[in-house]
PDB file of N, CA and C in Angstrom:
ATOM      1  N   MET A   1     -30.851 138.033  39.684  1.00  0.00           N
ATOM      2  CA  MET A   1     -31.374 137.392  38.751  1.00  0.00           C
ATOM      3  C   MET A   1     -31.319 135.877  39.020  1.00  0.00           C
ATOM      4  N   HIS A   2     -32.273 135.084  38.720  1.00  0.00           N
ATOM      5  CA  HIS A   2     -32.374 133.567  39.117  1.00  0.00           C
ATOM      6  C   HIS A   2     -32.728 132.718  37.747  1.00  0.00           C
ATOM      7  N   GLU A   3     -31.638 131.795  37.620  1.00  0.00           N
ATOM      8  CA  GLU A   3     -32.067 131.351  36.088  1.00  0.00           C
ATOM      9  C   GLU A   3     -32.067 129.504  36.418  1.00  0.00           C
ATOM     10  N   MET A   4     -32.654 129.187  35.565  1.00  0.00           N
ATOM     11  CA  MET A   4     -33.146 127.665  35.745  1.00  0.00           C
ATOM     12  C   MET A   4     -31.916 126.912  34.583  1.00  0.00           C
ATOM     13  N   LYS A   5     -31.067 126.046  35.200  1.00  0.00           N
ATOM     14  CA  LYS A   5     -30.223 125.202  34.395  1.00  0.00           C
ATOM     15  C   LYS A   5     -30.372 124.032  34.616  1.00  0.00           C
ATOM     16  N   LYS A   6     -29.984 123.526  33.484  1.00  0.00           N
ATOM     17  CA  LYS A   6     -30.333 121.909  33.375  1.00  0.00           C
ATOM     18  C   LYS A   6     -28.717 121.447  33.662  1.00  0.00           C
ATOM     19  N   CYS A   7     -28.200 120.894  34.702  1.00  0.00           N
ATOM     20  CA  CYS A   7     -27.022 120.417  35.008  1.00  0.00           C
ATOM     21  C   CYS A   7     -26.435 119.145  34.340  1.00  0.00           C
ATOM     22  N   PRO A   8     -25.217 119.702  33.624  1.00  0.00           N
ATOM     23  CA  PRO A   8     -24.678 119.187  32.567  1.00  0.00           C
ATOM     24  C   PRO A   8     -24.211 117.422  32.452  1.00  0.00           C
ATOM     25  N   ARG A   9     -24.209 117.568  33.775  1.00  0.00           N
ATOM     26  CA  ARG A   9     -23.629 115.448  34.658  1.00  0.00           C
ATOM     27  C   ARG A   9     -24.753 115.000  34.671  1.00  0.00           C
ATOM     28  N   CYS A  10     -25.994 115.355  35.385  1.00  0.00           N
ATOM     29  CA  CYS A  10     -27.135 114.198  35.332  1.00  0.00           C
ATOM     30  C   CYS A  10     -28.282 114.675  34.401  1.00  0.00           C
ATOM     31  N   SER A  11     -28.567 116.088  34.010  1.00  0.00           N
ATOM     32  CA  SER A  11     -29.745 116.467  33.660  1.00  0.00           C
ATOM     33  C   SER A  11     -30.731 116.994  34.432  1.00  0.00           C
ATOM     34  N   VAL A  12     -30.357 117.211  35.647  1.00  0.00           N
ATOM     35  CA  VAL A  12     -31.330 117.815  36.309  1.00  0.00           C
ATOM     36  C   VAL A  12     -31.365 119.300  36.437  1.00  0.00           C
ATOM     37  N   GLU A  13     -32.822 119.986  36.468  1.00  0.00           N
ATOM     38  CA  GLU A  13     -33.069 120.942  36.347  1.00  0.00           C
ATOM     39  C   GLU A  13     -32.622 121.739  37.740  1.00  0.00           C
ATOM     40  N   PHE A  14     -32.419 123.106  38.134  1.00  0.00           N
ATOM     41  CA  PHE A  14     -32.204 123.377  39.256  1.00  0.00           C
ATOM     42  C   PHE A  14     -31.952 124.912  38.964  1.00  0.00           C
ATOM     43  N   GLU A  15     -32.322 126.013  40.049  1.00  0.00           N
ATOM     44  CA  GLU A  15     -32.163 127.191  39.959  1.00  0.00           C
ATOM     45  C   GLU A  15     -30.509 127.788  40.061  1.00  0.00           C
ATOM     46  N   CYS A  16     -30.125 128.443  39.924  1.00  0.00           N
ATOM     47  CA  CYS A  16     -28.957 129.102  39.860  1.00  0.00           C
ATOM     48  C   CYS A  16     -29.105 130.798  40.326  1.00  0.00           C
ATOM     49  N   ARG A  17     -28.393 130.829  41.169  1.00  0.00           N
ATOM     50  CA  ARG A  17     -28.447 132.381  41.535  1.00  0.00           C
ATOM     51  C   ARG A  17     -26.946 133.110  41.646  1.00  0.00           C
ATOM     52  N   VAL A  18     -26.761 133.257  40.418  1.00  0.00           N
ATOM     53  CA  VAL A  18     -25.058 133.576  40.014  1.00  0.00           C
ATOM     54  C   VAL A  18     -25.117 134.926  40.681  1.00  0.00           C
ATOM     55  N   ASN A  19     -26.266 136.204  40.543  1.00  0.00           N
ATOM     56  CA  ASN A  19     -26.101 137.080  41.101  1.00  0.00           C
ATOM     57  C   ASN A  19     -26.443 137.160  42.855  1.00  0.00           C
ATOM     58  N   ASP A  20     -26.927 135.847  43.408  1.00  0.00           N
ATOM     59  CA  ASP A  20     -27.345 136.039  44.502  1.00  0.00           C
ATOM     60  C   ASP A  20     -26.472 134.861  45.275  1.00  0.00           C
ATOM     61  N   ILE A  21     -25.254 134.677  45.136  1.00  0.00           N
ATOM     62  CA  ILE A  21     -24.304 133.291  45.170  1.00  0.00           C
ATOM     63  C   ILE A  21     -24.554 132.859  46.325  1.00  0.00           C
ATOM     64  N   GLN A  22     -24.446 133.722  47.867  1.00  0.00           N
ATOM     65  CA  GLN A  22     -24.549 133.407  49.146  1.00  0.00           C
ATOM     66  C   GLN A  22     -26.132 132.198  48.979  1.00  0.00           C
ATOM     67  N   ASN A  23     -27.007 132.576  48.359  1.00  0.00           N
ATOM     68  CA  ASN A  23     -28.073 131.646  48.433  1.00  0.00           C
ATOM     69  C   ASN A  23     -28.116 130.750  47.526  1.00  0.00           C
ATOM     70  N   CYS A  24     -27.000 130.557  46.742  1.00  0.00           N
ATOM     71  CA  CYS A  24     -27.483 129.666  45.371  1.00  0.00           C
ATOM     72  C   CYS A  24     -27.366 128.049  46.152  1.00  0.00           C
ATOM     73  N   GLN A  25     -27.675 127.240  45.487  1.00  0.00           N
ATOM     74  CA  GLN A  25     -27.767 125.729  46.014  1.00  0.00           C
ATOM     75  C   GLN A  25     -26.250 125.522  46.285  1.00  0.00           C
ATOM     76  N   CYS A  26     -25.458 125.666  45.068  1.00  0.00           N
ATOM     77  CA  CYS A  26     -23.537 125.571  45.227  1.00  0.00           C
ATOM     78  C   CYS A  26     -22.731 126.320  46.234  1.00  0.00           C
ATOM     79  N   ALA A  27     -23.591 127.174  46.936  1.00  0.00           N
ATOM     80  CA  ALA A  27     -22.915 127.851  48.117  1.00  0.00           C
ATOM     81  C   ALA A  27     -22.616 127.050  49.375  1.00  0.00           C
ATOM     82  N   HIS A  28     -23.709 125.839  49.203  1.00  0.00           N
ATOM     83  CA  HIS A  28     -23.871 125.290  50.324  1.00  0.00           C
ATOM     84  C   HIS A  28     -23.054 123.762  50.426  1.00  0.00           C
ATOM     85  N   VAL A  29     -22.319 123.636  49.262  1.00  0.00           N
ATOM     86  CA  VAL A  29     -21.337 122.111  49.083  1.00  0.00           C
ATOM     87  C   VAL A  29     -20.293 122.965  49.517  1.00  0.00           C
ATOM     88  N   LYS A  30     -19.334 121.908  50.293  1.00  0.00           N
ATOM     89  CA  LYS A  30     -18.205 122.156  50.649  1.00  0.00           C
ATOM     90  C   LYS A  30     -16.916 121.655  50.181  1.00  0.00           C
ATOM     91  N   LEU A  31     -17.015 121.887  48.715  1.00  0.00           N
ATOM     92  CA  LEU A  31     -15.648 121.488  48.115  1.00  0.00           C
ATOM     93  C   LEU A  31     -14.584 121.246  49.041  1.00  0.00           C
ATOM     94  N   SER A  32     -13.780 119.682  48.657  1.00  0.00           N
ATOM     95  CA  SER A  32     -12.243 119.965  48.935  1.00  0.00           C
ATOM     96  C   SER A  32     -11.294 120.731  47.863  1.00  0.00           C
ATOM     97  N   HIS A  33      -9.858 120.955  48.149  1.00  0.00           N
ATOM     98  CA  HIS A  33      -8.953 122.009  47.567  1.00  0.00           C
ATOM     99  C   HIS A  33      -8.558 121.158  46.274  1.00  0.00           C
ATOM    100  N   ASP A  34      -8.801 119.547  46.354  1.00  0.00           N
ATOM    101  CA  ASP A  34      -8.671 118.660  45.392  1.00  0.00           C
ATOM    102  C   ASP A  34      -9.961 118.713  44.360  1.00  0.00           C
ATOM    103  N   ALA A  35     -10.891 118.700  44.915  1.00  0.00           N
ATOM    104  CA  ALA A  35     -12.209 118.656  44.189  1.00  0.00           C
ATOM    105  C   ALA A  35     -12.246 120.196  43.149  1.00  0.00           C
ATOM    106  N   SER A  36     -12.160 121.101  44.130  1.00  0.00           N
ATOM    107  CA  SER A  36     -12.158 122.451  43.086  1.00  0.00           C
ATOM    108  C   SER A  36     -11.047 122.800  41.877  1.00  0.00           C
ATOM    109  N   ASP A  37      -9.722 121.983  42.566  1.00  0.00           N
ATOM    110  CA  ASP A  37      -8.806 122.048  41.335  1.00  0.00           C
ATOM    111  C   ASP A  37      -9.140 120.906  39.902  1.00  0.00           C
ATOM    112  N   PHE A  38      -9.677 119.800  40.746  1.00  0.00           N
ATOM    113  CA  PHE A  38     -10.512 118.955  39.288  1.00  0.00           C
ATOM    114  C   PHE A  38     -11.331 119.571  38.671  1.00  0.00           C
ATOM    115  N   LEU A  39     -12.416 120.332  39.289  1.00  0.00           N
ATOM    116  CA  LEU A  39     -13.781 121.045  38.652  1.00  0.00           C
ATOM    117  C   LEU A  39     -12.959 122.108  37.684  1.00  0.00           C
ATOM    118  N   ALA A  40     -11.772 122.818  37.970  1.00  0.00           N
ATOM    119  CA  ALA A  40     -11.129 123.531  37.381  1.00  0.00           C
ATOM    120  C   ALA A  40     -10.753 123.162  35.785  1.00  0.00           C
ATOM    121  N   LYS A  41     -10.275 121.602  35.793  1.00  0.00           N
ATOM    122  CA  LYS A  41     -10.164 121.328  34.668  1.00  0.00           C
ATOM    123  C   LYS A  41     -11.115 120.474  33.759  1.00  0.00           C
ATOM    124  N   THR A  42     -12.241 120.942  34.059  1.00  0.00           N
ATOM    125  CA  THR A  42     -13.383 120.131  33.189  1.00  0.00           C
ATOM    126  C   THR A  42     -14.133 121.219  32.748  1.00  0.00           C
ATOM    127  N   ALA A  43     -15.112 120.524  31.868  1.00  0.00           N
ATOM    128  CA  ALA A  43     -15.950 121.665  30.679  1.00  0.00           C
ATOM    129  C   ALA A  43     -17.092 121.934  31.406  1.00  0.00           C
ATOM    130  N   PHE A  44     -17.692 121.547  32.502  1.00  0.00           N
ATOM    131  CA  PHE A  44     -18.635 121.992  33.427  1.00  0.00           C
ATOM    132  C   PHE A  44     -18.921 123.586  33.473  1.00  0.00           C
ATOM    133  N   ASP A  45     -20.081 123.794  33.241  1.00  0.00           N
ATOM    134  CA  ASP A  45     -20.691 125.311  33.784  1.00  0.00           C
ATOM    135  C   ASP A  45     -21.010 125.011  35.179  1.00  0.00           C
ATOM    136  N   CYS A  46     -22.359 125.147  35.552  1.00  0.00           N
ATOM    137  CA  CYS A  46     -22.660 124.901  36.481  1.00  0.00           C
ATOM    138  C   CYS A  46     -23.211 123.546  37.099  1.00  0.00           C
ATOM    139  N   LEU A  47     -23.021 122.897  38.205  1.00  0.00           N
ATOM    140  CA  LEU A  47     -23.640 121.595  38.537  1.00  0.00           C
ATOM    141  C   LEU A  47     -24.623 121.962  39.417  1.00  0.00           C
ATOM    142  N   CYS A  48     -25.265 121.144  39.546  1.00  0.00           N
ATOM    143  CA  CYS A  48     -26.297 120.785  40.424  1.00  0.00           C
ATOM    144  C   CYS A  48     -25.581 120.439  41.732  1.00  0.00           C
ATOM    145  N   SER A  49     -25.899 120.643  42.887  1.00  0.00           N
ATOM    146  CA  SER A  49     -25.394 120.538  44.292  1.00  0.00           C
ATOM    147  C   SER A  49     -25.152 119.043  44.520  1.00  0.00           C
ATOM    148  N   THR A  50     -25.875 118.085  44.036  1.00  0.00           N
ATOM    149  CA  THR A  50     -25.750 116.672  44.028  1.00  0.00           C
ATOM    150  C   THR A  50     -24.674 116.355  43.504  1.00  0.00           C
ATOM    151  N   CYS A  51     -24.415 116.735  42.249  1.00  0.00           N
ATOM    152  CA  CYS A  51     -23.006 116.414  41.528  1.00  0.00           C
ATOM    153  C   CYS A  51     -21.973 116.686  42.174  1.00  0.00           C
ATOM    154  N   MET A  52     -22.256 117.941  42.632  1.00  0.00           N
ATOM    155  CA  MET A  52     -20.742 118.655  43.401  1.00  0.00           C
ATOM    156  C   MET A  52     -20.352 117.911  44.573  1.00  0.00           C
ATOM    157  N   ASN A  53     -21.461 117.422  45.427  1.00  0.00           N
ATOM    158  CA  ASN A  53     -21.102 116.436  46.420  1.00  0.00           C
ATOM    159  C   ASN A  53     -20.430 115.176  45.592  1.00  0.00           C
ATOM    160  N   GLN A  54     -21.130 114.675  44.925  1.00  0.00           N
ATOM    161  CA  GLN A  54     -20.750 112.980  44.185  1.00  0.00           C
ATOM    162  C   GLN A  54     -19.187 113.491  43.720  1.00  0.00           C
ATOM    163  N   ILE A  55     -19.231 114.242  43.285  1.00  0.00           N
ATOM    164  CA  ILE A  55     -17.465 115.079  42.522  1.00  0.00           C
ATOM    165  C   ILE A  55     -16.428 115.267  43.708  1.00  0.00           C
ATOM    166  N   ASN A  56     -17.112 115.804  45.073  1.00  0.00           N
ATOM    167  CA  ASN A  56     -16.643 115.910  46.051  1.00  0.00           C
ATOM    168  C   ASN A  56     -15.657 114.295  46.512  1.00  0.00           C
ATOM    169  N   LEU A  57     -16.769 113.303  46.551  1.00  0.00           N
ATOM    170  CA  LEU A  57     -16.368 112.024  46.744  1.00  0.00           C
ATOM    171  C   LEU A  57     -15.665 111.441  46.021  1.00  0.00           C
ATOM    172  N   LEU A  58     -15.995 111.419  44.401  1.00  0.00           N
ATOM    173  CA  LEU A  58     -15.099 110.691  44.053  1.00  0.00           C
ATOM    174  C   LEU A  58     -13.881 111.267  43.741  1.00  0.00           C
ATOM    175  N   VAL A  59     -13.269 112.251  43.755  1.00  0.00           N
ATOM    176  CA  VAL A  59     -11.990 112.750  43.877  1.00  0.00           C
ATOM    177  C   VAL A  59     -11.286 112.071  45.264  1.00  0.00           C
ATOM    178  N   GLU A  60     -12.051 112.492  46.376  1.00  0.00           N
ATOM    179  CA  GLU A  60     -11.653 111.884  47.595  1.00  0.00           C
ATOM    180  C   GLU A  60     -11.151 110.381  47.549  1.00  0.00           C
ATOM    181  N   GLU A  61     -12.057 109.431  46.553  1.00  0.00           N
ATOM    182  CA  GLU A  61     -11.663 108.144  46.786  1.00  0.00           C
ATOM    183  C   GLU A  61     -10.754 107.763  45.535  1.00  0.00           C
ATOM    184  N   ALA A  62     -10.754 109.082  44.604  1.00  0.00           N
ATOM    185  CA  ALA A  62      -9.524 108.615  43.568  1.00  0.00           C
ATOM    186  C   ALA A  62      -8.402 108.774  44.252  1.00  0.00           C
ATOM    187  N   LYS A  63      -8.282 109.709  45.176  1.00  0.00           N
ATOM    188  CA  LYS A  63      -6.937 110.228  45.745  1.00  0.00           C
ATOM    189  C   LYS A  63      -6.814 109.130  46.688  1.00  0.00           C
ATOM    190  N   ASN A  64      -7.441 108.351  47.634  1.00  0.00           N
ATOM    191  CA  ASN A  64      -7.147 107.231  48.952  1.00  0.00           C
ATOM    192  C   ASN A  64      -7.284 105.922  48.355  1.00  0.00           C
ATOM    193  N   GLY A  65      -7.770 105.658  46.773  1.00  0.00           N
ATOM    194  CA  GLY A  65      -8.331 104.490  46.550  1.00  0.00           C
ATOM    195  C   GLY A  65      -6.430 103.913  45.792  1.00  0.00           C
ATOM    196  N   PRO A  66      -6.672 102.584  45.288  1.00  0.00           N
ATOM    197  CA  PRO A  66      -5.471 101.926  44.663  1.00  0.00           C
ATOM    198  C   PRO A  66      -4.860 103.123  43.443  1.00  0.00           C
ATOM    199  N   GLN A  67      -3.779 103.199  43.554  1.00  0.00           N
ATOM    200  CA  GLN A  67      -2.806 103.930  42.501  1.00  0.00           C
ATOM    201  C   GLN A  67      -2.288 103.086  41.347  1.00  0.00           C
ATOM    202  N   TYR A  68      -1.858 103.658  40.236  1.00  0.00           N
ATOM    203  CA  TYR A  68      -0.998 103.155  39.348  1.00  0.00           C
ATOM    204  C   TYR A  68      -0.431 104.273  39.052  1.00  0.00           C
ATOM    205  N   LYS A  69       0.422 103.502  37.982  1.00  0.00           N
ATOM    206  CA  LYS A  69       1.407 104.571  37.622  1.00  0.00           C
ATOM    207  C   LYS A  69       1.399 103.963  35.608  1.00  0.00           C
ATOM    208  N   SER A  70       1.181 104.645  34.629  1.00  0.00           N
ATOM    209  CA  SER A  70       1.364 104.371  33.116  1.00  0.00           C
ATOM    210  C   SER A  70       0.683 103.203  33.112  1.00  0.00           C
ATOM    211  N   GLY A  71      -0.469 102.796  33.679  1.00  0.00           N
ATOM    212  CA  GLY A  71      -0.884 101.475  33.004  1.00  0.00           C
ATOM    213  C   GLY A  71      -0.370 100.694  33.998  1.00  0.00           C
ATOM    214  N   ASN A  72      -0.069 100.310  35.143  1.00  0.00           N
ATOM    215  CA  ASN A  72       0.701  99.431  35.980  1.00  0.00           C
ATOM    216  C   ASN A  72      -0.246  99.393  37.171  1.00  0.00           C
ATOM    217  N   GLY A  73      -0.674  98.576  37.525  1.00  0.00           N
ATOM    218  CA  GLY A  73      -1.778  98.247  39.034  1.00  0.00           C
ATOM    219  C   GLY A  73      -2.761  98.900  38.725  1.00  0.00           C
ATOM    220  N   LEU A  74      -3.536  98.867  37.531  1.00  0.00           N
ATOM    221  CA  LEU A  74      -4.510  98.600  37.284  1.00  0.00           C
ATOM    222  C   LEU A  74      -5.618  97.727  37.940  1.00  0.00           C
ATOM    223  N   GLN A  75      -6.562  98.072  38.855  1.00  0.00           N
ATOM    224  CA  GLN A  75      -7.969  97.158  39.360  1.00  0.00           C
ATOM    225  C   GLN A  75      -8.825  97.154  39.028  1.00  0.00           C
ATOM    226  N   GLU A  76      -9.290  95.787  38.476  1.00  0.00           N
ATOM    227  CA  GLU A  76     -10.723  95.867  37.941  1.00  0.00           C
ATOM    228  C   GLU A  76     -11.523  96.148  39.038  1.00  0.00           C
ATOM    229  N   HIS A  77     -12.598  96.861  38.582  1.00  0.00           N
ATOM    230  CA  HIS A  77     -13.720  97.274  39.394  1.00  0.00           C
ATOM    231  C   HIS A  77     -13.545  99.004  40.354  1.00  0.00           C
ATOM    232  N   PHE A  78     -12.058  99.293  40.111  1.00  0.00           N
ATOM    233  CA  PHE A  78     -11.904 100.569  40.702  1.00  0.00           C
ATOM    234  C   PHE A  78     -11.660 101.279  39.172  1.00  0.00           C
ATOM    235  N   HIS A  79     -10.552 100.863  38.581  1.00  0.00           N
ATOM    236  CA  HIS A  79     -10.167 101.459  37.364  1.00  0.00           C
ATOM    237  C   HIS A  79     -10.820 101.349  36.096  1.00  0.00           C
ATOM    238  N   TYR A  80     -11.283 100.126  36.143  1.00  0.00           N
ATOM    239  CA  TYR A  80     -12.134  99.639  34.819  1.00  0.00           C
ATOM    240  C   TYR A  80     -12.836  98.275  34.958  1.00  0.00           C
ATOM    241  N   TYR A  81     -13.808  98.180  34.165  1.00  0.00           N
ATOM    242  CA  TYR A  81     -14.606  96.891  33.918  1.00  0.00           C
ATOM    243  C   TYR A  81     -14.639  96.361  32.852  1.00  0.00           C
ATOM    244  N   VAL A  82     -14.926  94.957  32.434  1.00  0.00           N
ATOM    245  CA  VAL A  82     -14.621  94.628  31.086  1.00  0.00           C
ATOM    246  C   VAL A  82     -16.584  94.279  30.866  1.00  0.00           C
ATOM    247  N   GLN A  83     -17.031  94.952  29.109  1.00  0.00           N
ATOM    248  CA  GLN A  83     -18.188  94.540  29.211  1.00  0.00           C
ATOM    249  C   GLN A  83     -18.031  94.190  27.791  1.00  0.00           C
ATOM    250  N   GLN A  84     -18.562  93.082  27.594  1.00  0.00           N
ATOM    251  CA  GLN A  84     -18.744  92.417  26.009  1.00  0.00           C
ATOM    252  C   GLN A  84     -17.194  92.499  25.679  1.00  0.00           C
ATOM    253  N   GLY A  85     -16.056  91.743  26.277  1.00  0.00           N
ATOM    254  CA  GLY A  85     -14.833  91.491  26.003  1.00  0.00           C
ATOM    255  C   GLY A  85     -14.110  93.072  26.110  1.00  0.00           C
ATOM    256  N   ARG A  86     -14.701  94.176  26.456  1.00  0.00           N
ATOM    257  CA  ARG A  86     -14.059  95.742  26.229  1.00  0.00           C
ATOM    258  C   ARG A  86     -13.483  96.030  27.549  1.00  0.00           C
ATOM    259  N   TYR A  87     -12.470  96.655  27.800  1.00  0.00           N
ATOM    260  CA  TYR A  87     -12.456  97.259  28.807  1.00  0.00           C
ATOM    261  C   TYR A  87     -13.091  98.725  28.762  1.00  0.00           C
ATOM    262  N   VAL A  88     -13.556  98.879  29.612  1.00  0.00           N
ATOM    263  CA  VAL A  88     -14.570 100.299  29.860  1.00  0.00           C
ATOM    264  C   VAL A  88     -13.703 101.136  31.365  1.00  0.00           C
ATOM    265  N   PHE A  89     -13.159 102.102  31.049  1.00  0.00           N
ATOM    266  CA  PHE A  89     -12.499 103.014  32.293  1.00  0.00           C
ATOM    267  C   PHE A  89     -13.583 103.769  32.754  1.00  0.00           C
ATOM    268  N   THR A  90     -13.406 103.516  34.288  1.00  0.00           N
ATOM    269  CA  THR A  90     -14.389 104.108  35.137  1.00  0.00           C
ATOM    270  C   THR A  90     -14.076 105.566  35.608  1.00  0.00           C
ATOM    271  N   GLU A  91     -14.885 106.749  36.129  1.00  0.00           N
ATOM    272  CA  GLU A  91     -14.785 107.875  36.435  1.00  0.00           C
ATOM    273  C   GLU A  91     -13.416 108.120  37.201  1.00  0.00           C
ATOM    274  N   LEU A  92     -13.219 106.952  38.298  1.00  0.00           N
ATOM    275  CA  LEU A  92     -12.025 107.153  38.934  1.00  0.00           C
ATOM    276  C   LEU A  92     -10.414 106.932  38.290  1.00  0.00           C
ATOM    277  N   TYR A  93     -10.711 106.336  37.308  1.00  0.00           N
ATOM    278  CA  TYR A  93      -9.670 106.128  36.517  1.00  0.00           C
ATOM    279  C   TYR A  93      -9.202 107.292  35.786  1.00  0.00           C
ATOM    280  N   HIS A  94     -10.249 108.007  35.433  1.00  0.00           N
ATOM    281  CA  HIS A  94     -10.157 108.901  34.875  1.00  0.00           C
ATOM    282  C   HIS A  94      -9.556 110.293  35.408  1.00  0.00           C
ATOM    283  N   ILE A  95     -10.188 110.359  36.539  1.00  0.00           N
ATOM    284  CA  ILE A  95      -9.772 111.371  37.639  1.00  0.00           C
ATOM    285  C   ILE A  95      -8.286 111.169  38.030  1.00  0.00           C
ATOM    286  N   GLN A  96      -7.976 109.901  38.441  1.00  0.00           N
ATOM    287  CA  GLN A  96      -6.791 110.109  38.446  1.00  0.00           C
ATOM    288  C   GLN A  96      -5.794 110.086  37.425  1.00  0.00           C
ATOM    289  N   ARG A  97      -6.092 109.391  36.164  1.00  0.00           N
ATOM    290  CA  ARG A  97      -5.556 110.143  35.032  1.00  0.00           C
ATOM    291  C   ARG A  97      -5.002 111.577  35.138  1.00  0.00           C
ATOM    292  N   GLY A  98      -5.822 112.524  35.564  1.00  0.00           N
ATOM    293  CA  GLY A  98      -5.381 113.736  35.591  1.00  0.00           C
ATOM    294  C   GLY A  98      -6.224 114.821  34.444  1.00  0.00           C
ATOM    295  N   SER A  99      -6.459 114.404  33.342  1.00  0.00           N
ATOM    296  CA  SER A  99      -6.859 114.940  32.595  1.00  0.00           C
ATOM    297  C   SER A  99      -7.912 114.243  31.334  1.00  0.00           C
ATOM    298  N   CYS A 100      -8.358 114.632  30.511  1.00  0.00           N
ATOM    299  CA  CYS A 100      -9.303 114.042  29.678  1.00  0.00           C
ATOM    300  C   CYS A 100      -8.583 113.591  28.301  1.00  0.00           C
ATOM    301  N   CYS A 101      -8.537 112.347  27.764  1.00  0.00           N
ATOM    302  CA  CYS A 101      -7.573 111.941  27.009  1.00  0.00           C
ATOM    303  C   CYS A 101      -8.404 112.093  25.295  1.00  0.00           C
ATOM    304  N   GLY A 102      -9.640 112.811  25.537  1.00  0.00           N
ATOM    305  CA  GLY A 102     -10.033 113.118  24.148  1.00  0.00           C
ATOM    306  C   GLY A 102     -10.671 111.736  23.395  1.00  0.00           C
ATOM    307  N   ASN A 103     -10.803 111.047  24.105  1.00  0.00           N
ATOM    308  CA  ASN A 103     -11.372 109.555  23.442  1.00  0.00           C
ATOM    309  C   ASN A 103     -12.960 109.607  23.276  1.00  0.00           C
ATOM    310  N   GLY A 104     -13.472 110.249  23.898  1.00  0.00           N
ATOM    311  CA  GLY A 104     -15.095 110.303  23.972  1.00  0.00           C
ATOM    312  C   GLY A 104     -15.547 109.357  24.856  1.00  0.00           C
ATOM    313  N   CYS A 105     -14.913 108.772  25.995  1.00  0.00           N
ATOM    314  CA  CYS A 105     -15.026 107.805  26.912  1.00  0.00           C
ATOM    315  C   CYS A 105     -16.289 107.754  27.914  1.00  0.00           C
ATOM    316  N   ARG A 106     -16.940 106.853  27.764  1.00  0.00           N
ATOM    317  CA  ARG A 106     -18.177 106.701  28.364  1.00  0.00           C
ATOM    318  C   ARG A 106     -18.380 107.255  29.917  1.00  0.00           C
ATOM    319  N   HIS A 107     -17.530 107.311  30.928  1.00  0.00           N
ATOM    320  CA  HIS A 107     -17.501 107.636  32.105  1.00  0.00           C
ATOM    321  C   HIS A 107     -16.350 108.954  32.073  1.00  0.00           C
ATOM    322  N   CYS A 108     -16.305 109.958  31.113  1.00  0.00           N
ATOM    323  CA  CYS A 108     -15.545 111.013  31.026  1.00  0.00           C
ATOM    324  C   CYS A 108     -16.189 111.666  31.947  1.00  0.00           C
ATOM    325  N   PRO A 109     -15.254 112.389  33.493  1.00  0.00           N
ATOM    326  CA  PRO A 109     -15.810 113.031  34.437  1.00  0.00           C
ATOM    327  C   PRO A 109     -15.181 114.463  33.964  1.00  0.00           C
ATOM    328  N   TYR A 110     -14.739 114.745  32.773  1.00  0.00           N
ATOM    329  CA  TYR A 110     -14.501 115.925  32.593  1.00  0.00           C
ATOM    330  C   TYR A 110     -15.121 116.713  31.543  1.00  0.00           C
ATOM    331  N   GLY A 111     -16.229 116.301  31.565  1.00  0.00           N
ATOM    332  CA  GLY A 111     -17.781 116.808  30.860  1.00  0.00           C
ATOM    333  C   GLY A 111     -17.431 117.053  29.368  1.00  0.00           C
ATOM    334  N   HIS A 112     -16.649 116.498  28.860  1.00  0.00           N
ATOM    335  CA  HIS A 112     -16.188 116.556  27.487  1.00  0.00           C
ATOM    336  C   HIS A 112     -17.526 115.435  26.633  1.00  0.00           C
ATOM    337  N   ILE A 113     -18.241 115.935  26.095  1.00  0.00           N
ATOM    338  CA  ILE A 113     -19.146 115.322  25.574  1.00  0.00           C
ATOM    339  C   ILE A 113     -18.750 114.361  23.999  1.00  0.00           C
ATOM    340  N   ASN A 114     -18.341 115.286  23.285  1.00  0.00           N
ATOM    341  CA  ASN A 114     -17.834 115.317  21.825  1.00  0.00           C
ATOM    342  C   ASN A 114     -15.842 115.690  21.806  1.00  0.00           C
ATOM    343  N   CYS A 115     -15.346 114.838  22.082  1.00  0.00           N
ATOM    344  CA  CYS A 115     -14.071 114.972  22.639  1.00  0.00           C
ATOM    345  C   CYS A 115     -13.523 114.768  21.168  1.00  0.00           C
TER     346      CYS A 115
END
């Protein structure tokens, strides 16, 4: 059975083949171990292959990018940017943080819309 789903990350419609996983679009995405671990922490159901590939890249970039510890070493444009005098944390920051903070952040990569 095939089901049309809407990607919860980008809102694109795609065909989910949960009963025919070998022919599902997600079966063609090679997720890293780190990306699989990250996705296990999210609230996402099925994602489109484009978003799965993007998450794979984001997790790798977060892993290899500038690191911080407890707020030290944050780098503008990687971990945050300033908009109208306010700090806005990026997806990369949240991925490095390792969990959802529950504040309903604009760039929450964990799929929590109303934390």
